[in-house]
Amino acid sequence: MATEPPAVPGLPIIGNLRDIDPEIPIESLANLADQYGPIYKFSIFSTTSVVISSAEYMAEVCDEKRFSKIVSRGLGEVRNGLNDGEF
């Protein structure tokens, strides 16, 4: 049974806006990973994002044998010309 990733507690309306330093956003996300683990979610306003900060887990979610990609028609045409390496 799948479980939800931990969520960073946020404030009403702005969510986790104050947790991400605009000067060092990647470091802010890395600090949250240190606190909440290699997979966690956070929200800013009404948008929720899931962060994967582990190469091991990233390889799992990029495994096209286990997960399918939805490629829009326009992106599919670009992909035909540039190959998968660009995406």
N, C-alpha and C. Protein backbone atom coordinates (compact mmCIF):
# COMPACT_ATOMS: atom_id res chain seq x y z
N MET A 1 0.84 -1.17 0.00
CA MET A 1 0.00 0.00 0.00
C MET A 1 0.89 1.24 0.00
N ALA A 2 0.60 2.16 -0.88
CA ALA A 2 1.38 3.39 -0.98
C ALA A 2 1.00 4.35 0.14
N THR A 3 1.99 5.08 0.59
CA THR A 3 1.74 6.09 1.61
C THR A 3 2.10 7.46 1.03
N GLU A 4 1.50 8.46 1.61
CA GLU A 4 1.78 9.84 1.18
C GLU A 4 3.14 10.27 1.71
N PRO A 5 3.88 11.05 0.93
CA PRO A 5 5.13 11.58 1.47
C PRO A 5 4.83 12.61 2.56
N PRO A 6 5.77 12.82 3.47
CA PRO A 6 5.53 13.81 4.51
C PRO A 6 5.36 15.20 3.90
N ALA A 7 4.51 15.98 4.52
CA ALA A 7 4.26 17.35 4.05
C ALA A 7 4.89 18.34 5.01
N VAL A 8 5.56 19.33 4.45
CA VAL A 8 6.14 20.39 5.26
C VAL A 8 4.99 21.26 5.77
N PRO A 9 4.87 21.43 7.09
CA PRO A 9 3.78 22.25 7.61
C PRO A 9 3.92 23.69 7.10
N GLY A 10 2.82 24.25 6.68
CA GLY A 10 2.85 25.61 6.17
C GLY A 10 1.82 26.50 6.81
N LEU A 11 1.81 27.73 6.38
CA LEU A 11 0.86 28.71 6.88
C LEU A 11 -0.38 28.74 6.00
N PRO A 12 -1.52 29.17 6.53
CA PRO A 12 -2.70 29.31 5.69
C PRO A 12 -2.41 30.26 4.51
N ILE A 13 -2.98 29.98 3.42
CA ILE A 13 -2.91 30.73 2.16
C ILE A 13 -1.52 30.66 1.52
N ILE A 14 -0.45 31.10 2.18
CA ILE A 14 0.87 31.13 1.52
C ILE A 14 1.61 29.80 1.59
N GLY A 15 1.13 28.88 2.40
CA GLY A 15 1.77 27.57 2.49
C GLY A 15 3.20 27.67 2.98
N ASN A 16 4.13 27.19 2.17
CA ASN A 16 5.54 27.13 2.56
C ASN A 16 6.39 28.23 1.89
N LEU A 17 5.76 29.28 1.48
CA LEU A 17 6.47 30.37 0.81
C LEU A 17 7.65 30.87 1.63
N ARG A 18 7.49 30.97 2.92
CA ARG A 18 8.55 31.49 3.78
C ARG A 18 9.66 30.46 4.03
N ASP A 19 9.45 29.21 3.66
CA ASP A 19 10.47 28.17 3.84
C ASP A 19 11.49 28.15 2.71
N ILE A 20 11.19 28.81 1.60
CA ILE A 20 12.08 28.81 0.44
C ILE A 20 12.72 30.19 0.32
N ASP A 21 14.03 30.25 0.52
CA ASP A 21 14.77 31.51 0.39
C ASP A 21 14.99 31.78 -1.09
N PRO A 22 14.49 32.90 -1.62
CA PRO A 22 14.65 33.17 -3.05
C PRO A 22 16.10 33.36 -3.48
N GLU A 23 16.98 33.67 -2.53
CA GLU A 23 18.40 33.83 -2.85
C GLU A 23 19.09 32.47 -3.05
N ILE A 24 18.62 31.46 -2.32
CA ILE A 24 19.23 30.11 -2.38
C ILE A 24 18.13 29.05 -2.38
N PRO A 25 17.29 29.00 -3.41
CA PRO A 25 16.15 28.06 -3.39
C PRO A 25 16.56 26.60 -3.34
N ILE A 26 17.61 26.21 -4.05
CA ILE A 26 18.02 24.80 -4.06
C ILE A 26 18.52 24.39 -2.68
N GLU A 27 19.28 25.27 -2.03
CA GLU A 27 19.74 24.97 -0.68
C GLU A 27 18.57 24.87 0.29
N SER A 28 17.56 25.71 0.09
CA SER A 28 16.36 25.64 0.92
C SER A 28 15.67 24.29 0.77
N LEU A 29 15.56 23.80 -0.46
CA LEU A 29 14.94 22.50 -0.70
C LEU A 29 15.79 21.38 -0.11
N ALA A 30 17.11 21.50 -0.19
CA ALA A 30 18.01 20.50 0.39
C ALA A 30 17.87 20.48 1.92
N ASN A 31 17.73 21.65 2.52
CA ASN A 31 17.53 21.71 3.97
C ASN A 31 16.22 21.04 4.38
N LEU A 32 15.18 21.24 3.58
CA LEU A 32 13.91 20.58 3.87
C LEU A 32 14.04 19.07 3.73
N ALA A 33 14.84 18.61 2.75
CA ALA A 33 15.07 17.17 2.58
C ALA A 33 15.80 16.61 3.79
N ASP A 34 16.71 17.38 4.37
CA ASP A 34 17.40 16.93 5.58
C ASP A 34 16.40 16.72 6.72
N GLN A 35 15.37 17.56 6.77
CA GLN A 35 14.38 17.48 7.83
C GLN A 35 13.30 16.44 7.56
N TYR A 36 12.82 16.36 6.31
CA TYR A 36 11.63 15.55 6.00
C TYR A 36 11.91 14.28 5.21
N GLY A 37 13.15 14.08 4.79
CA GLY A 37 13.50 12.86 4.08
C GLY A 37 13.65 13.08 2.58
N PRO A 38 13.99 12.01 1.85
CA PRO A 38 14.30 12.13 0.43
C PRO A 38 13.10 12.40 -0.47
N ILE A 39 11.90 12.18 0.04
CA ILE A 39 10.68 12.52 -0.71
C ILE A 39 9.77 13.27 0.25
N TYR A 40 9.37 14.45 -0.15
CA TYR A 40 8.45 15.24 0.69
C TYR A 40 7.63 16.15 -0.22
N LYS A 41 6.59 16.72 0.34
CA LYS A 41 5.80 17.66 -0.45
C LYS A 41 5.65 18.97 0.31
N PHE A 42 5.50 20.02 -0.47
CA PHE A 42 5.27 21.34 0.10
C PHE A 42 4.32 22.09 -0.81
N SER A 43 3.76 23.16 -0.33
CA SER A 43 2.85 23.94 -1.16
C SER A 43 3.16 25.42 -1.04
N ILE A 44 2.93 26.10 -2.12
CA ILE A 44 3.02 27.56 -2.15
C ILE A 44 1.73 28.03 -2.79
N PHE A 45 0.99 28.82 -2.03
CA PHE A 45 -0.36 29.22 -2.39
C PHE A 45 -1.18 27.95 -2.64
N SER A 46 -1.73 27.74 -3.80
CA SER A 46 -2.57 26.56 -4.01
C SER A 46 -1.87 25.45 -4.80
N THR A 47 -0.57 25.59 -5.01
CA THR A 47 0.17 24.60 -5.78
C THR A 47 1.00 23.71 -4.85
N THR A 48 0.76 22.41 -4.93
CA THR A 48 1.52 21.44 -4.14
C THR A 48 2.55 20.76 -5.04
N SER A 49 3.77 20.67 -4.56
CA SER A 49 4.86 20.02 -5.30
C SER A 49 5.43 18.89 -4.48
N VAL A 50 5.86 17.85 -5.17
CA VAL A 50 6.55 16.73 -4.52
C VAL A 50 8.01 16.83 -4.92
N VAL A 51 8.90 16.77 -3.93
CA VAL A 51 10.33 16.88 -4.16
C VAL A 51 10.96 15.51 -3.94
N ILE A 52 11.78 15.09 -4.89
CA ILE A 52 12.55 13.85 -4.77
C ILE A 52 14.01 14.28 -4.75
N SER A 53 14.69 14.05 -3.63
CA SER A 53 16.06 14.52 -3.49
C SER A 53 17.08 13.40 -3.44
N SER A 54 16.67 12.21 -3.80
CA SER A 54 17.55 11.05 -3.76
C SER A 54 17.72 10.50 -5.18
N ALA A 55 18.97 10.25 -5.57
CA ALA A 55 19.23 9.68 -6.89
C ALA A 55 18.56 8.31 -7.04
N GLU A 56 18.55 7.55 -5.96
CA GLU A 56 17.93 6.22 -5.99
C GLU A 56 16.43 6.31 -6.30
N TYR A 57 15.74 7.20 -5.59
CA TYR A 57 14.30 7.36 -5.83
C TYR A 57 14.02 7.99 -7.19
N MET A 58 14.89 8.91 -7.61
CA MET A 58 14.70 9.53 -8.93
C MET A 58 14.82 8.49 -10.03
N ALA A 59 15.77 7.56 -9.90
CA ALA A 59 15.90 6.49 -10.89
C ALA A 59 14.65 5.64 -10.93
N GLU A 60 14.04 5.42 -9.76
CA GLU A 60 12.81 4.63 -9.71
C GLU A 60 11.67 5.32 -10.45
N VAL A 61 11.46 6.61 -10.21
CA VAL A 61 10.33 7.29 -10.85
C VAL A 61 10.58 7.55 -12.33
N CYS A 62 11.84 7.48 -12.76
CA CYS A 62 12.14 7.67 -14.18
C CYS A 62 12.14 6.34 -14.95
N ASP A 63 11.87 5.25 -14.27
CA ASP A 63 11.85 3.93 -14.90
C ASP A 63 10.59 3.82 -15.76
N GLU A 64 10.76 3.93 -17.07
CA GLU A 64 9.62 3.90 -17.99
C GLU A 64 8.95 2.53 -18.06
N LYS A 65 9.56 1.49 -17.54
CA LYS A 65 8.91 0.19 -17.51
C LYS A 65 7.85 0.14 -16.42
N ARG A 66 8.02 0.97 -15.37
CA ARG A 66 7.08 0.99 -14.24
C ARG A 66 6.11 2.16 -14.29
N PHE A 67 6.54 3.26 -14.88
CA PHE A 67 5.70 4.46 -14.93
C PHE A 67 5.64 4.96 -16.37
N SER A 68 4.48 5.40 -16.80
CA SER A 68 4.36 5.90 -18.17
C SER A 68 4.44 7.42 -18.17
N LYS A 69 4.95 7.94 -19.26
CA LYS A 69 5.02 9.39 -19.46
C LYS A 69 3.88 9.81 -20.36
N ILE A 70 3.36 10.96 -20.12
CA ILE A 70 2.37 11.54 -21.01
C ILE A 70 3.06 12.67 -21.76
N VAL A 71 3.26 12.46 -23.05
CA VAL A 71 3.94 13.45 -23.88
C VAL A 71 2.90 14.09 -24.79
N SER A 72 2.76 15.41 -24.67
CA SER A 72 1.77 16.11 -25.49
C SER A 72 2.17 16.03 -26.96
N ARG A 73 1.22 16.26 -27.82
CA ARG A 73 1.46 16.13 -29.25
C ARG A 73 2.60 17.04 -29.72
N GLY A 74 2.56 18.31 -29.31
CA GLY A 74 3.60 19.25 -29.73
C GLY A 74 4.97 18.85 -29.22
N LEU A 75 5.04 18.43 -27.96
CA LEU A 75 6.30 17.99 -27.39
C LEU A 75 6.78 16.71 -28.07
N GLY A 76 5.85 15.86 -28.45
CA GLY A 76 6.20 14.64 -29.16
C GLY A 76 6.89 14.94 -30.48
N GLU A 77 6.42 15.97 -31.18
CA GLU A 77 7.04 16.36 -32.45
C GLU A 77 8.45 16.90 -32.23
N VAL A 78 8.62 17.72 -31.20
CA VAL A 78 9.95 18.25 -30.88
C VAL A 78 10.87 17.10 -30.48
N ARG A 79 10.34 16.18 -29.72
CA ARG A 79 11.12 15.02 -29.25
C ARG A 79 11.60 14.19 -30.44
N ASN A 80 10.76 14.06 -31.48
CA ASN A 80 11.16 13.31 -32.67
C ASN A 80 12.39 13.93 -33.33
N GLY A 81 12.47 15.25 -33.30
CA GLY A 81 13.61 15.93 -33.94
C GLY A 81 14.84 15.99 -33.07
N LEU A 82 14.68 16.05 -31.75
CA LEU A 82 15.81 16.24 -30.86
C LEU A 82 16.22 15.00 -30.08
N ASN A 83 15.40 13.96 -30.12
CA ASN A 83 15.65 12.72 -29.38
C ASN A 83 15.34 12.89 -27.89
N ASP A 84 15.39 11.80 -27.17
CA ASP A 84 15.04 11.80 -25.76
C ASP A 84 16.04 12.55 -24.89
N GLY A 85 17.26 12.68 -25.32
CA GLY A 85 18.30 13.28 -24.49
C GLY A 85 18.01 14.70 -24.07
N GLU A 86 17.18 15.39 -24.79
CA GLU A 86 16.86 16.77 -24.47
C GLU A 86 15.74 16.89 -23.46
N PHE A 87 15.08 15.78 -23.14
CA PHE A 87 13.91 15.87 -22.27
C PHE A 87 14.09 15.06 -21.03
